Amino acid sequence: MFTQYKFWEPYSSPYDPCPPMTVKSYSTPPQLYINFQPPGLAQFEPRAALYHGTLWKELFSPYPGPDKRGDVDE
């Protein structure tokens, strides 16, 4: 399933001085998953496009932190 959020588990040594972070995450922009720009993409109104930072609705991503999404780890 397509998701903009990726998770990985870094190596944690038994000799690390700090408690390890068991799962880390990062987000990827939506344009990585579109091979070409299809004609007729839905567009924001000009004022909303300035607010969202893109003209096309399919390319908008708010990039929230994974802890604020409410999803479980993948």
N, C-alpha and C. Protein backbone atom coordinates (compact mmCIF):
# COMPACT_ATOMS: atom_id res chain seq x y z
N MET A 1 0.84 -1.19 0.00
CA MET A 1 0.00 0.00 0.00
C MET A 1 0.88 1.25 0.00
N PHE A 2 0.46 2.26 -0.73
CA PHE A 2 1.21 3.50 -0.84
C PHE A 2 1.14 4.27 0.47
N THR A 3 2.27 4.72 0.94
CA THR A 3 2.33 5.59 2.09
C THR A 3 3.52 6.53 1.95
N GLN A 4 3.37 7.75 2.40
CA GLN A 4 4.46 8.71 2.33
C GLN A 4 5.39 8.58 3.53
N TYR A 5 5.04 7.76 4.49
CA TYR A 5 5.83 7.64 5.70
C TYR A 5 6.55 6.30 5.72
N LYS A 6 7.83 6.35 5.97
CA LYS A 6 8.65 5.15 6.03
C LYS A 6 9.18 4.99 7.44
N PHE A 7 9.33 3.76 7.86
CA PHE A 7 9.83 3.46 9.20
C PHE A 7 11.02 2.53 9.10
N TRP A 8 11.97 2.68 9.98
CA TRP A 8 13.11 1.77 10.04
C TRP A 8 13.56 1.62 11.48
N GLU A 9 14.20 0.52 11.74
CA GLU A 9 14.69 0.21 13.09
C GLU A 9 16.21 0.27 13.08
N PRO A 10 16.78 1.30 13.69
CA PRO A 10 18.24 1.40 13.70
C PRO A 10 18.85 0.39 14.66
N TYR A 11 20.10 0.08 14.40
CA TYR A 11 20.82 -0.83 15.29
C TYR A 11 21.07 -0.13 16.61
N SER A 12 20.85 -0.80 17.69
CA SER A 12 21.16 -0.25 19.01
C SER A 12 22.09 -1.22 19.72
N SER A 13 23.23 -0.72 20.06
CA SER A 13 24.25 -1.52 20.72
C SER A 13 23.90 -1.69 22.20
N PRO A 14 24.26 -2.80 22.79
CA PRO A 14 24.02 -2.95 24.23
C PRO A 14 24.90 -2.00 25.05
N TYR A 15 25.90 -1.39 24.41
CA TYR A 15 26.81 -0.49 25.12
C TYR A 15 26.50 0.98 24.88
N ASP A 16 25.36 1.29 24.23
CA ASP A 16 24.98 2.68 24.02
C ASP A 16 24.73 3.35 25.37
N PRO A 17 25.24 4.57 25.54
CA PRO A 17 25.06 5.25 26.82
C PRO A 17 23.64 5.80 27.03
N CYS A 18 22.90 6.00 25.95
CA CYS A 18 21.56 6.56 26.05
C CYS A 18 20.54 5.49 25.69
N PRO A 19 19.30 5.63 26.16
CA PRO A 19 18.26 4.68 25.76
C PRO A 19 18.04 4.77 24.25
N PRO A 20 17.95 3.65 23.57
CA PRO A 20 17.83 3.68 22.11
C PRO A 20 16.43 4.08 21.64
N MET A 21 16.40 4.65 20.45
CA MET A 21 15.13 4.89 19.77
C MET A 21 14.88 3.63 18.95
N THR A 22 13.83 2.91 19.27
CA THR A 22 13.61 1.63 18.61
C THR A 22 13.11 1.77 17.18
N VAL A 23 12.32 2.79 16.89
CA VAL A 23 11.80 3.00 15.54
C VAL A 23 11.97 4.47 15.18
N LYS A 24 12.52 4.70 13.99
CA LYS A 24 12.64 6.06 13.46
C LYS A 24 11.80 6.14 12.20
N SER A 25 11.41 7.34 11.83
CA SER A 25 10.56 7.51 10.65
C SER A 25 11.00 8.72 9.85
N TYR A 26 10.60 8.73 8.60
CA TYR A 26 10.80 9.88 7.73
C TYR A 26 9.67 9.91 6.71
N SER A 27 9.46 11.07 6.12
CA SER A 27 8.40 11.19 5.12
C SER A 27 9.02 11.47 3.76
N THR A 28 8.34 11.02 2.74
CA THR A 28 8.79 11.24 1.36
C THR A 28 7.75 12.07 0.63
N PRO A 29 8.19 12.95 -0.26
CA PRO A 29 7.23 13.79 -0.98
C PRO A 29 6.43 12.99 -2.00
N PRO A 30 5.19 13.39 -2.25
CA PRO A 30 4.33 12.64 -3.15
C PRO A 30 4.81 12.60 -4.60
N GLN A 31 5.61 13.58 -5.04
CA GLN A 31 6.03 13.56 -6.44
C GLN A 31 6.99 12.41 -6.74
N LEU A 32 7.53 11.76 -5.73
CA LEU A 32 8.38 10.59 -5.97
C LEU A 32 7.58 9.42 -6.52
N TYR A 33 6.29 9.42 -6.31
CA TYR A 33 5.45 8.29 -6.70
C TYR A 33 4.66 8.55 -7.98
N ILE A 34 4.92 9.68 -8.64
CA ILE A 34 4.25 10.00 -9.91
C ILE A 34 5.33 9.99 -10.99
N ASN A 35 5.24 9.08 -11.94
CA ASN A 35 6.25 8.98 -12.99
C ASN A 35 6.20 10.15 -13.96
N PHE A 36 5.00 10.63 -14.27
CA PHE A 36 4.84 11.77 -15.16
C PHE A 36 3.61 12.54 -14.69
N GLN A 37 3.52 13.78 -15.11
CA GLN A 37 2.38 14.60 -14.71
C GLN A 37 1.23 14.36 -15.68
N PRO A 38 0.18 13.67 -15.25
CA PRO A 38 -0.94 13.43 -16.14
C PRO A 38 -1.71 14.73 -16.41
N PRO A 39 -2.30 14.84 -17.59
CA PRO A 39 -3.07 16.05 -17.89
C PRO A 39 -4.35 16.09 -17.06
N GLY A 40 -4.78 17.29 -16.75
CA GLY A 40 -6.06 17.47 -16.06
C GLY A 40 -6.01 17.23 -14.57
N LEU A 41 -4.85 17.41 -13.92
CA LEU A 41 -4.80 17.25 -12.47
C LEU A 41 -5.63 18.34 -11.80
N ALA A 42 -6.29 17.97 -10.72
CA ALA A 42 -7.09 18.95 -9.97
C ALA A 42 -6.16 20.01 -9.38
N GLN A 43 -6.61 21.27 -9.41
CA GLN A 43 -5.79 22.37 -8.93
C GLN A 43 -6.46 23.09 -7.77
N PHE A 44 -5.63 23.66 -6.91
CA PHE A 44 -6.13 24.53 -5.85
C PHE A 44 -6.49 25.88 -6.47
N GLU A 45 -7.32 26.62 -5.78
CA GLU A 45 -7.54 28.02 -6.14
C GLU A 45 -6.23 28.77 -5.89
N PRO A 46 -5.99 29.90 -6.56
CA PRO A 46 -4.69 30.58 -6.42
C PRO A 46 -4.30 30.91 -4.99
N ARG A 47 -5.24 31.38 -4.19
CA ARG A 47 -4.91 31.73 -2.81
C ARG A 47 -4.59 30.48 -1.99
N ALA A 48 -5.35 29.41 -2.20
CA ALA A 48 -5.09 28.15 -1.49
C ALA A 48 -3.78 27.53 -1.96
N ALA A 49 -3.43 27.71 -3.23
CA ALA A 49 -2.17 27.18 -3.75
C ALA A 49 -0.99 27.84 -3.05
N LEU A 50 -1.07 29.13 -2.80
CA LEU A 50 0.00 29.81 -2.07
C LEU A 50 0.09 29.29 -0.64
N TYR A 51 -1.03 29.02 -0.03
CA TYR A 51 -1.04 28.50 1.33
C TYR A 51 -0.44 27.10 1.39
N HIS A 52 -0.79 26.24 0.41
CA HIS A 52 -0.34 24.85 0.42
C HIS A 52 1.04 24.66 -0.18
N GLY A 53 1.53 25.63 -0.95
CA GLY A 53 2.86 25.53 -1.53
C GLY A 53 2.92 24.76 -2.83
N THR A 54 1.77 24.39 -3.38
CA THR A 54 1.72 23.70 -4.67
C THR A 54 0.40 24.01 -5.35
N LEU A 55 0.40 23.96 -6.65
CA LEU A 55 -0.82 24.22 -7.40
C LEU A 55 -1.70 22.97 -7.48
N TRP A 56 -1.09 21.79 -7.49
CA TRP A 56 -1.84 20.56 -7.70
C TRP A 56 -2.15 19.86 -6.39
N LYS A 57 -3.39 19.46 -6.24
CA LYS A 57 -3.83 18.83 -4.99
C LYS A 57 -3.14 17.49 -4.73
N GLU A 58 -2.84 16.74 -5.80
CA GLU A 58 -2.20 15.43 -5.63
C GLU A 58 -0.77 15.54 -5.14
N LEU A 59 -0.13 16.71 -5.30
CA LEU A 59 1.25 16.88 -4.88
C LEU A 59 1.38 17.54 -3.51
N PHE A 60 0.28 17.79 -2.84
CA PHE A 60 0.33 18.40 -1.52
C PHE A 60 0.51 17.35 -0.45
N SER A 61 1.40 17.64 0.48
CA SER A 61 1.59 16.79 1.65
C SER A 61 1.91 17.69 2.83
N PRO A 62 1.18 17.57 3.92
CA PRO A 62 1.44 18.45 5.06
C PRO A 62 2.68 18.05 5.85
N TYR A 63 3.23 16.86 5.62
CA TYR A 63 4.40 16.35 6.32
C TYR A 63 4.27 16.44 7.83
N PRO A 64 3.21 15.90 8.40
CA PRO A 64 3.13 15.91 9.86
C PRO A 64 4.07 14.87 10.45
N GLY A 65 4.36 15.01 11.73
CA GLY A 65 5.17 14.01 12.40
C GLY A 65 4.39 12.71 12.51
N PRO A 66 5.07 11.58 12.46
CA PRO A 66 4.36 10.30 12.52
C PRO A 66 3.61 10.11 13.85
N ASP A 67 4.07 10.77 14.90
CA ASP A 67 3.37 10.65 16.17
C ASP A 67 2.04 11.41 16.15
N LYS A 68 1.88 12.36 15.24
CA LYS A 68 0.65 13.14 15.16
C LYS A 68 -0.36 12.54 14.16
N ARG A 69 0.05 11.50 13.40
CA ARG A 69 -0.82 10.93 12.38
C ARG A 69 -1.89 10.04 12.99
N GLY A 70 -1.54 9.31 14.03
CA GLY A 70 -2.49 8.37 14.61
C GLY A 70 -2.40 6.98 14.04
N ASP A 71 -1.50 6.75 13.07
CA ASP A 71 -1.33 5.42 12.50
C ASP A 71 -0.42 4.57 13.37
N VAL A 72 -0.46 3.28 13.15
CA VAL A 72 0.46 2.39 13.85
C VAL A 72 1.69 2.18 12.97
N ASP A 73 2.77 1.73 13.55
CA ASP A 73 3.99 1.48 12.79
C ASP A 73 3.75 0.41 11.75
N GLU A 74 4.41 0.54 10.62
CA GLU A 74 4.25 -0.42 9.54
C GLU A 74 5.24 -1.52 9.66
